[in-house]
Protein backbone atom coordinates (compact mmCIF):
# COMPACT_ATOMS: atom_id res chain seq x y z
CA UNK A 1 -298.46 -90.90 137.22
CA UNK A 2 -301.29 -93.32 137.78
CA UNK A 3 -304.40 -93.13 139.94
CA UNK A 4 -306.65 -96.09 140.79
CA UNK A 5 -310.13 -95.85 142.32
CA UNK A 6 -311.58 -99.00 143.90
CA UNK A 7 -315.24 -98.94 144.85
CA UNK A 8 -316.05 -100.83 148.06
CA UNK A 9 -319.07 -103.08 147.71
CA UNK A 10 -320.87 -105.15 150.32
CA UNK A 11 -321.31 -102.37 152.89
CA UNK A 12 -324.73 -102.93 154.51
CA UNK A 13 -327.33 -100.27 155.20
CA UNK A 14 -325.74 -98.11 157.89
CA UNK A 15 -327.76 -97.42 161.03
CA UNK A 16 -327.25 -95.11 164.01
CA UNK A 17 -324.56 -96.38 166.34
CA UNK A 18 -322.94 -98.72 163.80
CA UNK A 19 -319.16 -99.06 163.96
CA UNK A 20 -318.62 -97.39 160.60
CA UNK A 21 -314.85 -97.85 160.65
CA UNK A 22 -315.26 -101.61 161.13
CA UNK A 23 -317.77 -101.80 158.26
CA UNK A 24 -315.45 -99.88 155.95
CA UNK A 25 -312.31 -101.80 156.86
CA UNK A 26 -314.16 -105.10 156.48
CA UNK A 27 -315.28 -104.13 152.98
CA UNK A 28 -311.74 -103.02 152.14
CA UNK A 29 -310.31 -106.31 153.42
CA UNK A 30 -312.62 -108.23 151.09
CA UNK A 31 -311.06 -106.26 148.22
CA UNK A 32 -307.43 -106.81 149.16
CA UNK A 33 -307.19 -104.53 152.18
CA UNK A 34 -305.95 -101.02 152.78
CA UNK A 35 -302.34 -100.15 152.05
CA UNK A 36 -300.11 -97.43 153.39
CA UNK A 37 -300.63 -94.34 151.25
CA UNK A 38 -304.24 -95.11 150.33
CA UNK A 39 -306.93 -92.46 150.67
CA UNK A 40 -310.34 -93.73 151.78
CA UNK A 41 -313.20 -91.60 150.44
CA UNK A 42 -316.52 -92.02 152.26
CA UNK A 43 -319.97 -90.74 151.31
CA UNK A 44 -321.27 -88.15 153.74
CA UNK A 45 -324.59 -89.93 153.97
CA UNK A 46 -323.30 -93.06 155.69
CA UNK A 47 -321.28 -90.98 158.14
CA UNK A 48 -324.39 -88.97 159.01
CA UNK A 49 -326.45 -92.13 159.38
CA UNK A 50 -323.91 -93.75 161.72
CA UNK A 51 -323.85 -90.54 163.79
CA UNK A 52 -327.68 -90.44 163.93
CA UNK A 53 -327.99 -87.06 162.22
CA UNK A 54 -331.62 -87.79 161.38
CA UNK A 55 -334.28 -85.18 162.06
CA UNK A 56 -337.97 -86.00 162.03
CA UNK A 57 -339.98 -83.30 160.29
CA UNK A 58 -342.70 -83.90 162.86
CA UNK A 59 -340.36 -82.38 165.46
CA UNK A 60 -339.64 -79.22 163.45
CA UNK A 61 -341.19 -75.99 164.73
CA UNK A 62 -341.22 -73.38 161.94
CA UNK A 63 -341.07 -69.77 163.12
CA UNK A 64 -342.35 -66.74 161.20
CA UNK A 65 -339.15 -66.48 159.16
CA UNK A 66 -339.31 -70.14 158.14
CA UNK A 67 -342.97 -69.76 157.18
CA UNK A 68 -342.21 -66.70 155.06
CA UNK A 69 -339.28 -68.30 153.19
CA UNK A 70 -341.23 -71.51 152.72
CA UNK A 71 -344.06 -69.59 151.04
CA UNK A 72 -341.58 -67.83 148.75
CA UNK A 73 -339.81 -71.08 147.85
CA UNK A 74 -342.86 -73.34 147.77
CA UNK A 75 -341.21 -75.67 150.29
CA UNK A 76 -342.40 -77.46 153.40
CA UNK A 77 -342.06 -74.97 156.30
CA UNK A 78 -340.79 -77.77 158.53
CA UNK A 79 -337.96 -78.52 156.11
CA UNK A 80 -337.12 -74.82 155.88
CA UNK A 81 -336.95 -74.66 159.68
CA UNK A 82 -334.43 -77.51 159.71
CA UNK A 83 -332.39 -75.86 156.95
CA UNK A 84 -332.27 -72.60 158.91
CA UNK A 85 -331.12 -74.46 162.02
CA UNK A 86 -327.95 -75.47 160.14
CA UNK A 87 -327.45 -72.15 158.36
CA UNK A 88 -325.36 -69.06 159.11
CA UNK A 89 -326.67 -67.05 156.13
CA UNK A 90 -329.35 -67.37 153.47
CA UNK A 91 -327.53 -66.33 150.29
CA UNK A 92 -330.37 -66.65 147.76
CA UNK A 93 -333.72 -68.34 147.53
CA UNK A 94 -336.32 -68.84 144.88
CA UNK A 95 -339.06 -71.35 144.11
CA UNK A 96 -337.85 -74.83 144.95
CA UNK A 97 -334.39 -74.03 146.32
CA UNK A 98 -332.51 -72.23 149.08
CA UNK A 99 -328.80 -71.43 148.71
CA UNK A 100 -327.25 -70.97 152.12
CA UNK A 101 -323.93 -70.71 153.89
CA UNK A 102 -323.83 -73.76 156.13
CA UNK A 103 -322.47 -73.36 159.66
CA UNK A 104 -319.39 -75.32 158.44
CA UNK A 105 -318.78 -72.59 155.85
CA UNK A 106 -319.88 -74.41 152.70
CA UNK A 107 -322.25 -72.52 150.37
CA UNK A 108 -324.74 -75.04 149.03
CA UNK A 109 -328.40 -75.78 148.43
CA UNK A 110 -330.66 -76.53 151.38
CA UNK A 111 -327.72 -76.73 153.84
CA UNK A 112 -326.86 -80.15 152.43
CA UNK A 113 -329.99 -81.58 154.04
CA UNK A 114 -331.28 -84.55 152.09
CA UNK A 115 -334.21 -86.95 152.05
CA UNK A 116 -333.03 -89.30 149.28
CA UNK A 117 -332.17 -92.82 150.48
CA UNK A 118 -333.45 -91.82 153.93
CA UNK A 119 -336.09 -94.25 155.21
CA UNK A 120 -339.01 -92.90 157.22
CA UNK A 121 -338.84 -93.18 160.99
CA UNK A 122 -341.42 -93.97 163.64
CA UNK A 123 -342.73 -90.40 163.41
CA UNK A 124 -342.87 -90.32 159.62
CA UNK A 125 -340.72 -88.42 157.14
CA UNK A 126 -337.13 -87.71 158.13
CA UNK A 127 -334.24 -85.76 156.66
CA UNK A 128 -330.51 -86.21 157.16
CA UNK A 129 -328.12 -83.47 158.22
CA UNK A 130 -324.41 -83.22 157.47
CA UNK A 131 -322.15 -84.61 160.21
CA UNK A 132 -321.71 -82.32 163.21
CA UNK A 133 -317.92 -82.12 162.63
CA UNK A 134 -316.88 -83.93 159.43
CA UNK A 135 -313.14 -83.33 160.00
CA UNK A 136 -313.39 -85.01 163.41
CA UNK A 137 -315.41 -87.86 161.88
CA UNK A 138 -312.70 -88.40 159.26
CA UNK A 139 -309.98 -88.35 161.91
CA UNK A 140 -311.74 -90.99 164.03
CA UNK A 141 -311.87 -93.35 161.07
CA UNK A 142 -308.28 -92.60 160.05
CA UNK A 143 -307.02 -93.21 163.59
CA UNK A 144 -308.65 -96.65 163.67
CA UNK A 145 -307.31 -97.72 160.25
CA UNK A 146 -304.99 -100.74 159.96
CA UNK A 147 -302.68 -98.77 157.65
CA UNK A 148 -301.27 -95.26 157.26
CA UNK A 149 -304.01 -93.71 155.15
CA UNK A 150 -305.84 -90.47 154.53
CA UNK A 151 -309.61 -90.12 154.85
CA UNK A 152 -311.97 -87.82 152.95
CA UNK A 153 -315.71 -87.48 153.55
CA UNK A 154 -317.33 -86.32 150.34
CA UNK A 155 -320.61 -84.75 149.32
CA UNK A 156 -321.94 -83.77 145.89
CA UNK A 157 -323.48 -80.29 145.87
CA UNK A 158 -324.35 -78.24 142.83
CA UNK A 159 -322.02 -75.46 141.70
CA UNK A 160 -322.41 -71.80 140.92
CA UNK A 161 -322.09 -71.09 137.20
CA UNK A 162 -321.87 -74.80 136.25
CA UNK A 163 -324.50 -77.44 135.50
CA UNK A 164 -324.48 -80.61 137.56
CA UNK A 165 -323.10 -81.73 140.89
CA UNK A 166 -319.55 -82.85 141.64
CA UNK A 167 -317.86 -84.48 144.60
CA UNK A 168 -316.18 -82.19 147.13
CA UNK A 169 -314.44 -82.85 150.44
CA UNK A 170 -316.42 -81.78 153.50
CA UNK A 171 -314.27 -83.76 155.95
CA UNK A 172 -310.53 -84.44 155.73
CA UNK A 173 -307.93 -86.22 157.85
CA UNK A 174 -304.37 -87.11 156.89
CA UNK A 175 -304.54 -85.34 153.51
CA UNK A 176 -303.00 -81.99 152.56
CA UNK A 177 -306.28 -80.41 151.45
CA UNK A 178 -304.79 -77.51 149.50
CA UNK A 179 -301.49 -77.50 147.63
CA UNK A 180 -299.96 -74.02 147.43
CA UNK A 181 -298.18 -73.73 144.08
CA UNK A 182 -297.12 -70.10 144.51
CA UNK A 183 -293.41 -69.64 143.87
CA UNK A 184 -293.10 -72.63 141.60
CA UNK A 185 -291.82 -72.12 138.09
CA UNK A 186 -293.98 -73.00 135.07
CA UNK A 187 -292.67 -74.51 131.84
CA UNK A 188 -291.94 -71.07 130.42
CA UNK A 189 -289.88 -70.02 133.44
CA UNK A 190 -292.52 -67.77 135.00
CA UNK A 191 -293.06 -67.82 138.73
CA UNK A 192 -296.60 -68.81 139.71
CA UNK A 193 -298.25 -66.06 141.75
CA UNK A 194 -301.75 -67.20 142.71
CA UNK A 195 -302.19 -70.94 142.19
CA UNK A 196 -303.73 -73.22 144.80
CA UNK A 197 -304.73 -76.80 143.99
CA UNK A 198 -307.79 -78.11 145.86
CA UNK A 199 -306.29 -81.59 146.27
CA UNK A 200 -308.96 -83.02 148.58
CA UNK A 201 -311.76 -81.85 146.28
CA UNK A 202 -310.10 -83.39 143.22
CA UNK A 203 -309.69 -86.72 145.01
CA UNK A 204 -313.31 -86.56 146.21
CA UNK A 205 -314.50 -85.92 142.65
CA UNK A 206 -312.45 -88.82 141.27
CA UNK A 207 -313.95 -91.20 143.84
CA UNK A 208 -317.48 -89.92 143.16
CA UNK A 209 -317.32 -91.22 139.60
CA UNK A 210 -317.04 -94.77 140.97
CA UNK A 211 -319.31 -94.30 144.00
CA UNK A 212 -322.21 -92.82 142.00
CA UNK A 213 -325.09 -90.63 143.16
CA UNK A 214 -328.21 -92.81 143.25
CA UNK A 215 -328.73 -96.53 143.90
CA UNK A 216 -325.24 -97.82 143.10
CA UNK A 217 -324.68 -99.06 146.65
CA UNK A 218 -321.00 -98.08 146.72
CA UNK A 219 -320.71 -95.55 149.56
CA UNK A 220 -316.93 -95.62 149.81
CA UNK A 221 -313.88 -95.99 147.61
CA UNK A 222 -310.13 -96.40 147.96
CA UNK A 223 -308.03 -93.97 145.95
CA UNK A 224 -304.61 -95.46 145.34
CA UNK A 225 -301.64 -93.65 143.83
CA UNK A 226 -302.11 -90.30 145.58
CA UNK A 227 -299.85 -90.96 148.56
CA UNK A 228 -297.82 -87.83 147.76
CA UNK A 229 -300.79 -85.84 149.02
CA UNK A 230 -300.87 -87.38 152.50
CA UNK A 231 -300.18 -84.80 155.19
CA UNK A 232 -301.86 -82.32 157.47
CA UNK A 233 -305.08 -80.70 156.31
CA UNK A 234 -308.78 -80.21 156.95
CA UNK A 235 -311.91 -79.39 155.00
CA UNK A 236 -311.89 -75.98 156.68
CA UNK A 237 -308.79 -75.18 154.61
CA UNK A 238 -310.98 -75.35 151.48
CA UNK A 239 -313.57 -72.82 152.61
CA UNK A 240 -312.97 -69.34 151.21
CA UNK A 241 -313.21 -66.62 153.84
CA UNK A 242 -316.25 -64.38 153.51
CA UNK A 243 -314.05 -61.34 153.02
CA UNK A 244 -312.47 -62.96 149.96
CA UNK A 245 -315.82 -63.87 148.37
CA UNK A 246 -316.28 -61.56 145.38
CA UNK A 247 -319.50 -63.17 144.15
CA UNK A 248 -321.98 -62.31 146.92
């Protein structure tokens, strides 16, 4: 069992309307090209940039709720208004942070909205939203690939009960996101009753180590050696249903 992670360098600053697939495949070609069975992991940020998911804070119109939460969190009311526009539920908030359930189902800080590595626009400060439909974004790139590959779009939110962020899959195409191990026999002969492996998240986390979180300039990576996990799946498969959430 061997896994290789190859960071793709030389990808330029991505701008709205760029052919992201062409940029990624060009970078991969410079590093030997994609092979059948590879899994291409792509940072959410460059997908959002290519899809023009920028929002100018000058265009935000905070309502009374946004103003109230902003005062409680000591945040810019305009930013809170944008967060709420992407949010199904505010789970918790305190000074400096809002934990919300994003409309895609993910529970994370500030609805995944980010200002780091986001240049200002003509109207001043901007923030970047998650892609509108990350699974569809992943599928478009996978469909254009010159090889039979899987695609994962990853993000790096914080985690409940644990310090630090870690890569997770928010968009998946061509990868079996969750491996159901129920019914398999362990080494002591016991049948496994409640074991699911979050395959796409584990691959996203492995790639994140190479891609980095700051100014590394490696917004994508090829994961090689995980071809056994190619198959049907989506990031939606990884989202626990609200009725099964015992922690809120």
